[in-house]
N, C-alpha and C. Protein backbone atom coordinates (compact mmCIF):
# COMPACT_ATOMS: atom_id res chain seq x y z
N MET A 1 2.91 43.04 -6.31
CA MET A 1 1.60 42.76 -5.47
C MET A 1 0.62 43.78 -5.64
N ASN A 2 -0.60 43.59 -5.68
CA ASN A 2 -1.54 44.58 -5.81
C ASN A 2 -2.47 44.91 -4.41
N SER A 3 -2.04 46.21 -4.05
CA SER A 3 -2.22 46.35 -2.47
C SER A 3 -4.10 46.48 -2.40
N ASP A 4 -4.66 46.69 -3.54
CA ASP A 4 -6.18 46.69 -3.52
C ASP A 4 -6.61 45.49 -3.17
N VAL A 5 -5.71 44.49 -3.22
CA VAL A 5 -6.48 43.12 -3.08
C VAL A 5 -6.63 42.73 -1.29
N ASN A 6 -7.82 42.34 -0.97
CA ASN A 6 -8.00 42.23 0.12
C ASN A 6 -7.31 40.44 0.62
N PRO A 7 -6.65 40.50 1.93
CA PRO A 7 -5.95 39.19 2.04
C PRO A 7 -6.82 38.30 2.43
N ALA A 8 -6.59 37.05 2.32
CA ALA A 8 -7.39 36.02 2.47
C ALA A 8 -7.99 35.79 4.04
N PRO A 9 -9.26 35.80 4.04
CA PRO A 9 -9.81 35.81 5.82
C PRO A 9 -9.25 34.60 6.49
N LEU A 10 -9.17 34.98 7.64
CA LEU A 10 -8.50 34.06 8.48
C LEU A 10 -9.23 32.63 8.64
N ARG A 11 -8.59 31.48 8.67
CA ARG A 11 -9.26 30.30 8.82
C ARG A 11 -10.01 30.32 10.22
N GLN A 12 -11.31 29.68 10.39
CA GLN A 12 -11.93 29.64 11.50
C GLN A 12 -11.70 28.31 12.14
N PHE A 13 -10.62 28.37 13.59
CA PHE A 13 -10.59 27.32 14.16
C PHE A 13 -11.68 26.86 15.01
N SER A 14 -11.57 25.63 15.36
CA SER A 14 -12.39 24.92 16.35
C SER A 14 -11.67 24.66 17.61
N ILE A 15 -11.88 25.24 18.75
CA ILE A 15 -11.29 24.86 19.93
C ILE A 15 -12.14 24.12 21.14
N LEU A 16 -11.85 23.31 21.64
CA LEU A 16 -12.39 22.44 22.69
C LEU A 16 -11.78 23.02 23.98
N VAL A 17 -12.59 23.27 24.99
CA VAL A 17 -12.34 23.88 26.17
C VAL A 17 -12.81 23.00 27.33
N LEU A 18 -11.83 22.50 28.16
CA LEU A 18 -12.30 21.44 29.05
C LEU A 18 -11.92 22.03 30.39
N HIS A 19 -13.02 21.95 31.21
CA HIS A 19 -12.67 22.40 32.56
C HIS A 19 -12.81 21.13 33.57
N GLY A 20 -11.71 21.03 34.24
CA GLY A 20 -11.79 19.66 35.24
C GLY A 20 -12.55 19.75 36.65
N PRO A 21 -12.37 19.09 37.41
CA PRO A 21 -13.12 18.86 38.56
C PRO A 21 -13.19 20.19 39.65
N ASN A 22 -14.19 20.61 39.98
CA ASN A 22 -14.34 21.50 41.07
C ASN A 22 -14.40 22.96 40.47
N LEU A 23 -13.98 23.05 39.12
CA LEU A 23 -13.95 24.19 38.35
C LEU A 23 -15.68 25.01 38.46
N ASN A 24 -16.51 23.90 38.35
CA ASN A 24 -17.82 24.53 38.74
C ASN A 24 -18.19 25.25 39.81
N LEU A 25 -17.42 25.24 40.91
CA LEU A 25 -17.48 25.96 41.96
C LEU A 25 -16.75 27.39 42.02
N LEU A 26 -16.20 27.67 40.79
CA LEU A 26 -15.40 29.06 40.69
C LEU A 26 -16.48 30.24 41.15
N GLY A 27 -15.80 30.99 42.04
CA GLY A 27 -16.64 32.22 42.66
C GLY A 27 -16.93 31.75 43.98
N GLN A 28 -16.96 30.75 44.50
CA GLN A 28 -17.35 30.21 45.59
C GLN A 28 -16.19 29.48 46.28
N ARG A 29 -15.44 28.78 45.77
CA ARG A 29 -14.60 28.04 46.27
C ARG A 29 -12.96 28.59 46.38
N GLU A 30 -12.77 28.88 47.53
CA GLU A 30 -11.30 29.37 47.91
C GLU A 30 -11.07 30.79 46.88
N PRO A 31 -11.92 31.89 46.86
CA PRO A 31 -11.74 32.93 45.90
C PRO A 31 -10.39 33.69 46.14
N GLU A 32 -9.84 33.25 47.23
CA GLU A 32 -8.27 33.86 47.48
C GLU A 32 -7.26 33.24 46.77
N ILE A 33 -7.79 32.14 46.19
CA ILE A 33 -6.62 31.18 45.02
C ILE A 33 -7.25 31.29 43.87
N TYR A 34 -8.47 31.06 43.82
CA TYR A 34 -9.21 30.91 42.47
C TYR A 34 -9.90 32.15 41.75
N GLY A 35 -10.24 33.09 42.72
CA GLY A 35 -10.73 34.40 42.34
C GLY A 35 -12.38 34.04 42.38
N ALA A 36 -13.01 35.18 42.31
CA ALA A 36 -14.27 35.58 42.48
C ALA A 36 -14.99 35.13 41.19
N MET A 37 -14.55 35.13 40.07
CA MET A 37 -15.38 35.04 38.75
C MET A 37 -15.72 33.44 38.67
N THR A 38 -17.14 33.29 38.35
CA THR A 38 -17.85 32.04 37.98
C THR A 38 -17.28 31.39 36.90
N LEU A 39 -17.47 30.39 36.62
CA LEU A 39 -17.18 29.47 35.50
C LEU A 39 -17.85 30.05 34.26
N GLU A 40 -19.24 30.50 34.54
CA GLU A 40 -20.08 30.93 33.42
C GLU A 40 -19.60 32.10 32.86
N LYS A 41 -18.97 33.15 33.80
CA LYS A 41 -18.35 34.21 33.33
C LYS A 41 -17.01 33.95 32.66
N VAL A 42 -16.14 32.93 33.06
CA VAL A 42 -15.03 32.50 32.34
C VAL A 42 -15.18 32.21 30.86
N ASP A 43 -16.34 31.39 31.07
CA ASP A 43 -16.80 30.67 29.59
C ASP A 43 -17.37 31.94 28.65
N GLN A 44 -17.75 32.85 29.29
CA GLN A 44 -18.32 34.11 28.26
C GLN A 44 -17.02 34.78 27.94
N ASN A 45 -16.01 35.16 28.68
CA ASN A 45 -14.94 36.00 28.22
C ASN A 45 -14.18 35.12 27.42
N ILE A 46 -14.15 33.54 27.19
CA ILE A 46 -13.42 32.73 26.50
C ILE A 46 -14.27 32.86 24.96
N GLN A 47 -15.49 32.98 24.93
CA GLN A 47 -16.51 33.04 23.81
C GLN A 47 -16.17 34.39 23.06
N GLN A 48 -16.16 35.50 23.78
CA GLN A 48 -15.93 36.89 23.23
C GLN A 48 -14.54 36.92 22.66
N LEU A 49 -13.44 36.53 23.17
CA LEU A 49 -12.09 36.41 22.78
C LEU A 49 -12.07 35.49 21.45
N ALA A 50 -12.77 34.42 21.49
CA ALA A 50 -13.03 33.30 20.23
C ALA A 50 -13.36 34.25 19.39
N GLU A 51 -14.56 34.68 19.25
CA GLU A 51 -15.27 35.44 18.09
C GLU A 51 -14.40 36.56 17.73
N ALA A 52 -13.93 37.21 18.46
CA ALA A 52 -12.73 38.05 18.17
C ALA A 52 -11.62 37.67 17.29
N GLN A 53 -11.36 36.29 17.57
CA GLN A 53 -10.17 35.84 16.80
C GLN A 53 -10.70 34.98 15.73
N ASN A 54 -12.06 34.92 15.13
CA ASN A 54 -12.62 34.32 14.39
C ASN A 54 -12.41 32.50 14.57
N ALA A 55 -12.48 32.48 15.75
CA ALA A 55 -12.41 31.07 16.40
C ALA A 55 -14.06 30.51 17.01
N ARG A 56 -14.15 29.34 17.14
CA ARG A 56 -15.23 28.69 17.87
C ARG A 56 -14.92 28.02 18.86
N VAL A 57 -15.63 28.04 19.98
CA VAL A 57 -15.14 27.09 21.09
C VAL A 57 -16.44 25.97 21.76
N THR A 58 -16.00 25.39 22.10
CA THR A 58 -16.94 24.24 23.04
C THR A 58 -16.60 24.20 23.96
N SER A 59 -16.96 24.37 25.19
CA SER A 59 -16.92 24.18 26.53
C SER A 59 -17.56 23.13 27.48
N ILE A 60 -16.78 22.18 27.89
CA ILE A 60 -17.34 21.35 28.81
C ILE A 60 -16.58 21.27 30.15
N GLN A 61 -17.43 21.11 31.34
CA GLN A 61 -16.87 21.05 32.57
C GLN A 61 -17.38 19.89 33.00
N SER A 62 -16.36 18.85 33.83
CA SER A 62 -16.75 17.71 34.51
C SER A 62 -15.92 17.49 35.54
N ASN A 63 -16.63 16.88 36.51
CA ASN A 63 -15.87 16.50 37.77
C ASN A 63 -15.40 14.87 37.39
N HIS A 64 -15.77 14.32 36.41
CA HIS A 64 -15.39 12.90 36.18
C HIS A 64 -14.55 12.90 35.16
N GLU A 65 -13.42 12.14 35.42
CA GLU A 65 -12.18 11.92 34.81
C GLU A 65 -12.51 11.28 33.29
N GLY A 66 -13.41 10.03 33.26
CA GLY A 66 -13.89 9.45 32.19
C GLY A 66 -14.69 10.31 31.26
N ILE A 67 -15.36 11.22 31.61
CA ILE A 67 -16.33 12.19 30.65
C ILE A 67 -15.02 12.93 29.98
N LEU A 68 -14.21 13.55 30.88
CA LEU A 68 -13.23 14.33 30.16
C LEU A 68 -12.06 13.66 29.22
N VAL A 69 -12.06 12.38 29.49
CA VAL A 69 -11.32 11.44 28.63
C VAL A 69 -12.31 11.62 27.32
N ASP A 70 -13.23 10.89 27.48
CA ASP A 70 -14.21 10.74 26.25
C ASP A 70 -14.06 12.19 25.44
N ALA A 71 -14.53 13.18 26.09
CA ALA A 71 -14.44 14.66 25.26
C ALA A 71 -13.39 14.71 24.44
N ILE A 72 -12.19 14.27 24.90
CA ILE A 72 -10.85 14.38 24.35
C ILE A 72 -10.62 13.63 23.16
N GLN A 73 -11.19 12.26 23.37
CA GLN A 73 -11.39 11.22 22.24
C GLN A 73 -12.05 11.66 20.99
N ALA A 74 -13.28 12.32 21.53
CA ALA A 74 -14.30 12.85 20.52
C ALA A 74 -13.57 13.85 19.56
N ALA A 75 -12.55 14.69 20.30
CA ALA A 75 -12.40 15.79 19.57
C ALA A 75 -11.43 15.17 18.60
N PHE A 76 -10.88 14.38 18.27
CA PHE A 76 -10.09 13.83 17.17
C PHE A 76 -10.77 14.15 16.00
N GLN A 77 -10.16 14.86 14.83
CA GLN A 77 -10.72 15.24 13.58
C GLN A 77 -11.83 16.14 13.95
N VAL A 78 -12.29 16.90 14.93
CA VAL A 78 -13.21 17.70 15.10
C VAL A 78 -13.11 18.97 15.52
N HIS A 79 -11.88 19.05 16.39
CA HIS A 79 -11.43 20.17 16.73
C HIS A 79 -9.85 20.39 16.43
N ASP A 80 -9.79 21.72 16.42
CA ASP A 80 -8.12 21.92 15.61
C ASP A 80 -7.35 22.15 17.14
N GLY A 81 -7.77 22.38 18.07
CA GLY A 81 -6.97 22.35 19.15
C GLY A 81 -7.83 22.21 20.73
N LEU A 82 -6.93 22.13 21.71
CA LEU A 82 -7.68 21.81 22.97
C LEU A 82 -6.91 22.62 23.93
N LEU A 83 -8.01 23.31 24.84
CA LEU A 83 -7.58 24.37 25.85
C LEU A 83 -7.94 23.28 27.34
N ILE A 84 -7.19 23.14 28.00
CA ILE A 84 -7.58 22.47 29.05
C ILE A 84 -7.03 22.99 30.45
N ASN A 85 -8.04 22.85 31.40
CA ASN A 85 -7.57 23.29 32.97
C ASN A 85 -8.13 21.68 33.34
N PRO A 86 -7.05 20.88 33.78
CA PRO A 86 -7.12 19.51 33.91
C PRO A 86 -7.52 19.36 35.92
N ALA A 87 -7.03 20.72 36.44
CA ALA A 87 -7.27 20.80 37.74
C ALA A 87 -6.64 19.93 38.25
N ALA A 88 -7.37 19.31 39.62
CA ALA A 88 -6.71 18.08 40.17
C ALA A 88 -6.17 17.02 39.41
N TYR A 89 -6.71 16.66 38.24
CA TYR A 89 -6.41 15.71 37.56
C TYR A 89 -5.05 15.97 36.68
N THR A 90 -4.59 17.26 36.81
CA THR A 90 -3.11 17.88 36.26
C THR A 90 -2.03 16.32 36.86
N HIS A 91 -2.24 16.60 38.16
CA HIS A 91 -1.25 15.89 39.01
C HIS A 91 -1.37 14.33 39.26
N THR A 92 -2.52 13.86 38.72
CA THR A 92 -2.73 12.33 39.01
C THR A 92 -3.31 11.54 37.75
N SER A 93 -3.63 12.38 36.56
CA SER A 93 -4.40 11.56 35.44
C SER A 93 -3.31 11.08 34.35
N VAL A 94 -3.08 9.96 34.48
CA VAL A 94 -2.37 9.32 33.21
C VAL A 94 -3.33 9.07 32.17
N ALA A 95 -4.63 9.02 32.33
CA ALA A 95 -5.68 8.61 31.31
C ALA A 95 -5.91 10.07 30.53
N LEU A 96 -5.90 11.14 31.12
CA LEU A 96 -6.01 12.17 30.36
C LEU A 96 -4.76 12.66 29.83
N ARG A 97 -3.54 12.37 30.16
CA ARG A 97 -2.47 12.48 29.27
C ARG A 97 -2.38 11.58 28.27
N ASP A 98 -2.63 10.25 28.43
CA ASP A 98 -2.68 9.31 27.19
C ASP A 98 -3.65 9.64 26.26
N ALA A 99 -4.90 10.26 26.65
CA ALA A 99 -6.11 10.40 25.49
C ALA A 99 -5.38 11.92 24.65
N ILE A 100 -4.69 12.68 25.35
CA ILE A 100 -4.19 13.71 24.54
C ILE A 100 -3.21 13.49 23.78
N SER A 101 -2.21 12.58 24.13
CA SER A 101 -1.31 11.93 23.46
C SER A 101 -1.62 10.96 22.15
N ALA A 102 -2.95 10.21 22.62
CA ALA A 102 -3.37 9.73 21.43
C ALA A 102 -4.04 10.26 20.37
N ILE A 103 -4.66 11.31 20.44
CA ILE A 103 -4.99 11.84 19.41
C ILE A 103 -4.23 13.27 18.79
N ALA A 104 -3.28 13.43 19.33
CA ALA A 104 -2.08 14.24 18.79
C ALA A 104 -2.76 15.78 18.54
N ILE A 105 -3.62 16.07 19.52
CA ILE A 105 -4.24 17.68 19.14
C ILE A 105 -3.12 18.58 19.68
N PRO A 106 -3.10 19.85 19.14
CA PRO A 106 -2.25 20.84 19.90
C PRO A 106 -3.31 21.04 21.04
N THR A 107 -2.44 21.06 22.20
CA THR A 107 -2.98 21.22 23.49
C THR A 107 -2.42 22.28 24.42
N VAL A 108 -3.10 23.34 25.02
CA VAL A 108 -2.45 24.22 25.88
C VAL A 108 -3.10 24.01 27.15
N GLU A 109 -2.40 23.65 28.52
CA GLU A 109 -2.69 23.58 29.68
C GLU A 109 -2.95 24.93 30.66
N VAL A 110 -3.98 25.21 31.09
CA VAL A 110 -4.03 26.40 31.84
C VAL A 110 -4.44 26.03 33.29
N HIS A 111 -4.07 26.94 34.29
CA HIS A 111 -4.35 27.09 35.54
C HIS A 111 -4.57 28.39 36.00
N LEU A 112 -5.73 28.51 36.94
CA LEU A 112 -5.94 29.83 37.56
C LEU A 112 -4.58 30.14 38.55
N SER A 113 -4.32 29.26 39.32
CA SER A 113 -3.26 29.73 40.26
C SER A 113 -1.64 29.03 39.76
N ASN A 114 -0.91 29.49 40.13
CA ASN A 114 0.36 29.16 39.74
C ASN A 114 0.91 28.01 40.57
N ILE A 115 0.53 26.63 39.87
CA ILE A 115 0.83 25.56 40.60
C ILE A 115 2.18 25.31 41.01
N HIS A 116 3.31 26.14 40.69
CA HIS A 116 4.66 25.95 41.11
C HIS A 116 5.05 26.49 42.45
N LYS A 117 3.86 27.47 42.61
CA LYS A 117 3.95 28.09 43.98
C LYS A 117 3.31 27.60 45.04
N ARG A 118 2.47 26.52 44.90
CA ARG A 118 1.57 25.88 45.82
C ARG A 118 2.34 24.67 46.44
N GLU A 119 1.50 23.65 46.98
CA GLU A 119 1.84 22.57 47.46
C GLU A 119 2.74 21.63 46.43
N ALA A 120 3.82 21.13 47.19
CA ALA A 120 4.75 20.09 46.25
C ALA A 120 4.14 19.26 45.33
N PHE A 121 2.91 18.69 45.74
CA PHE A 121 2.32 17.66 44.99
C PHE A 121 1.66 18.26 43.65
N ARG A 122 1.39 19.55 43.69
CA ARG A 122 0.91 20.28 42.53
C ARG A 122 2.05 20.75 41.80
N HIS A 123 3.30 20.44 41.88
CA HIS A 123 4.29 21.11 41.01
C HIS A 123 4.29 20.10 39.94
N HIS A 124 3.87 18.53 39.93
CA HIS A 124 3.94 17.91 38.75
C HIS A 124 2.79 17.97 37.98
N SER A 125 2.97 18.07 36.48
CA SER A 125 1.75 17.94 35.61
C SER A 125 2.19 16.92 34.76
N TYR A 126 1.05 15.91 34.55
CA TYR A 126 0.99 14.76 33.72
C TYR A 126 0.60 15.36 32.04
N ILE A 127 0.21 16.47 32.16
CA ILE A 127 -0.18 16.92 30.77
C ILE A 127 0.73 17.73 30.35
N ALA A 128 1.64 18.34 31.02
CA ALA A 128 2.55 19.33 30.24
C ALA A 128 3.54 18.49 29.25
N PRO A 129 3.92 17.24 29.64
CA PRO A 129 4.79 16.73 28.56
C PRO A 129 4.29 16.60 26.90
N VAL A 130 2.73 16.20 26.89
CA VAL A 130 1.97 16.34 25.85
C VAL A 130 1.49 17.52 25.24
N ALA A 131 1.46 18.70 26.03
CA ALA A 131 0.93 19.89 25.53
C ALA A 131 1.93 20.88 25.09
N ILE A 132 1.45 21.69 23.88
CA ILE A 132 2.38 22.71 23.43
C ILE A 132 3.04 23.82 24.22
N GLY A 133 2.26 23.91 25.47
CA GLY A 133 2.69 24.87 26.41
C GLY A 133 1.69 25.05 27.57
N GLN A 134 2.08 25.56 28.74
CA GLN A 134 1.15 25.71 30.01
C GLN A 134 1.35 27.21 30.32
N ILE A 135 -0.07 27.56 31.06
CA ILE A 135 -0.02 28.98 31.45
C ILE A 135 -0.78 28.84 32.81
N SER A 136 -0.04 29.46 33.75
CA SER A 136 -0.60 29.34 35.08
C SER A 136 -0.25 30.86 35.97
N GLY A 137 -1.26 30.95 36.75
CA GLY A 137 -0.96 31.90 37.80
C GLY A 137 -1.68 33.34 37.44
N PHE A 138 -2.33 33.42 36.73
CA PHE A 138 -3.33 34.64 36.11
C PHE A 138 -4.37 34.78 36.35
N GLY A 139 -5.05 33.80 37.23
CA GLY A 139 -6.36 33.70 37.51
C GLY A 139 -7.12 33.53 36.11
N HIS A 140 -8.38 34.13 36.04
CA HIS A 140 -9.15 33.87 34.81
C HIS A 140 -8.66 34.19 33.44
N ARG A 141 -7.50 35.11 33.69
CA ARG A 141 -6.77 35.58 32.42
C ARG A 141 -5.94 34.38 31.84
N SER A 142 -5.63 33.21 32.71
CA SER A 142 -4.98 32.01 32.26
C SER A 142 -5.47 31.65 30.81
N TYR A 143 -6.85 31.34 31.00
CA TYR A 143 -7.58 30.69 30.01
C TYR A 143 -7.53 31.64 28.69
N LEU A 144 -7.67 33.18 28.72
CA LEU A 144 -7.53 33.76 27.87
C LEU A 144 -6.27 34.06 27.17
N LEU A 145 -5.18 33.84 27.88
CA LEU A 145 -3.78 34.07 27.34
C LEU A 145 -3.65 32.89 26.82
N GLY A 146 -4.07 31.63 27.37
CA GLY A 146 -4.00 30.06 26.72
C GLY A 146 -4.61 30.01 25.10
N LEU A 147 -5.96 30.47 25.18
CA LEU A 147 -6.62 30.59 24.15
C LEU A 147 -5.92 31.55 22.75
N GLN A 148 -5.50 32.63 23.13
CA GLN A 148 -4.90 33.48 22.32
C GLN A 148 -3.40 32.50 21.79
N ALA A 149 -2.77 31.91 22.77
CA ALA A 149 -1.67 31.25 22.27
C ALA A 149 -1.73 30.22 21.71
N LEU A 150 -2.75 29.47 21.86
CA LEU A 150 -3.39 28.29 20.93
C LEU A 150 -3.83 28.88 19.47
N ILE A 151 -4.72 29.66 19.24
CA ILE A 151 -4.76 30.22 18.19
C ILE A 151 -3.82 30.64 17.44
N ASP A 152 -2.86 31.65 17.95
CA ASP A 152 -1.79 31.90 17.15
C ASP A 152 -0.66 30.82 16.79
N TRP A 153 -0.52 29.88 17.74
CA TRP A 153 0.21 28.56 17.30
C TRP A 153 -0.52 28.00 16.29
N LEU A 154 -1.82 27.74 16.03
CA LEU A 154 -2.45 27.09 15.01
C LEU A 154 -2.12 28.28 13.64
N ARG A 155 -2.44 29.17 13.88
CA ARG A 155 -2.16 30.08 12.68
C ARG A 155 -0.93 29.89 11.77
N ASP A 156 0.41 30.06 13.21
CA ASP A 156 1.51 29.83 12.67
C ASP A 156 1.89 28.37 12.00
N ARG A 157 1.41 27.46 12.19
CA ARG A 157 1.33 26.13 11.88
C ARG A 157 1.00 26.11 10.27
N ASP A 158 -0.46 26.80 10.15
CA ASP A 158 -0.85 26.68 9.04
C ASP A 158 -0.17 27.54 8.09
N GLN A 159 0.44 28.68 8.47
CA GLN A 159 1.10 29.60 7.66
C GLN A 159 2.34 28.98 7.22
N GLN A 160 3.08 28.29 7.76
CA GLN A 160 4.43 27.59 7.69
C GLN A 160 4.01 26.51 6.82
N ALA A 161 2.84 25.62 6.92
CA ALA A 161 2.41 24.91 6.12
C ALA A 161 2.42 25.12 4.63
N SER A 162 1.87 26.30 4.56
CA SER A 162 1.42 26.95 3.35
C SER A 162 2.59 27.37 2.68
N VAL A 163 3.59 27.90 3.25
CA VAL A 163 5.03 28.35 2.87
C VAL A 163 5.63 27.21 2.00
N SER A 164 5.53 26.12 2.86
CA SER A 164 6.20 24.87 2.52
C SER A 164 5.88 24.46 1.36
């Protein structure tokens, strides 16, 4: 193999980032649990990492379950992956779970707090069984860890497919 040949450029992935209810209040709401960073700053950090990884992101925040379901359904054959913080809908929304399952998009679930160290009702996730992974407890960094993991997973999948 000729070492002077440049490797093929990395494929650019399109990632949908969904923020669930009350995340618009980041920086104000219970900073001892959710941190002091605003959602706008979280989205800026996500955008910076995406650009560094040759990915593009579309971010949506909604307090309304149906809007999030519509966004997931619209992601079919448009986005390569989904990074979602379903927030309180994690523990209640069969509709979000079914939408993710229906479009079979690789999904990473993220949470700012460690949901397993909180109230018992927060320990169950309807999203986890239809996600490729879950990251929680790292504050705003949970989003970055989740995005990196999702991009790496997509690259690995593409590489395995090209070898087959």
